[in-house]
Structures are given as C-alpha cells and as structure tokens.
Amino acid sequence: MTSKKVQMRVITALIVIAALALGFGAGSLIAANSDPGSSGDPLVSKSYLDSTFRPQIEAAWDAAISAREAQLEAQLQAKIYEALGA
C-alpha cells in the first residue's frame, strides 16, 4: 500500500470514531435532559386515560356500588321486617 492510501484509511477511521463519539455524546445529553413522566414525555397519554382507562374504572366502580347498594337494601329490608315483627 502506498502511504497516501494509509493516510486516507487513518483519516476515515478518525472521522468514523469522531462521528460515533458525537452521536453517543448527543444521545447521552438528550437522555440526561429528558424527564420521563412529565407533560413533554408522558408515561401514559391523556387520550388513553380518557378513552380507555377511565370508562373501565367507571364501569368497575358502578358495578361495585350497585352490588353494595343491593346488599344494603336487603339488610335494611330485613331490619324493617324484624322491627315490624313480620
């Protein structure tokens, strides 16, 4: 090989190493400045909460409330019959 080819390979290798170092440095800087869970980088989107999660929670809540209401009505009815002597 000629010395010119060797120089070109060395220069090319140095450019590649410098580009990789800059890429990793920029990636580290971006990662260090991100704030997961903030409004800029949410863990869960508001639209998901509004369209999917909230209706599921409301349905589960309504079912639990209805079941408890039926249980309390039955207990109240039993107390009323007991008080009336029926």
Foldseek 3Di string as FASTA:
>chain_A
DDPVVVVVVVVVVVVVVVVVVVVVVVVVVVVVPDDECDPVHNPDDPVCCVPPVVVVVVVVVVVVVVVVVVVVVVVVVVVVCVVVVD
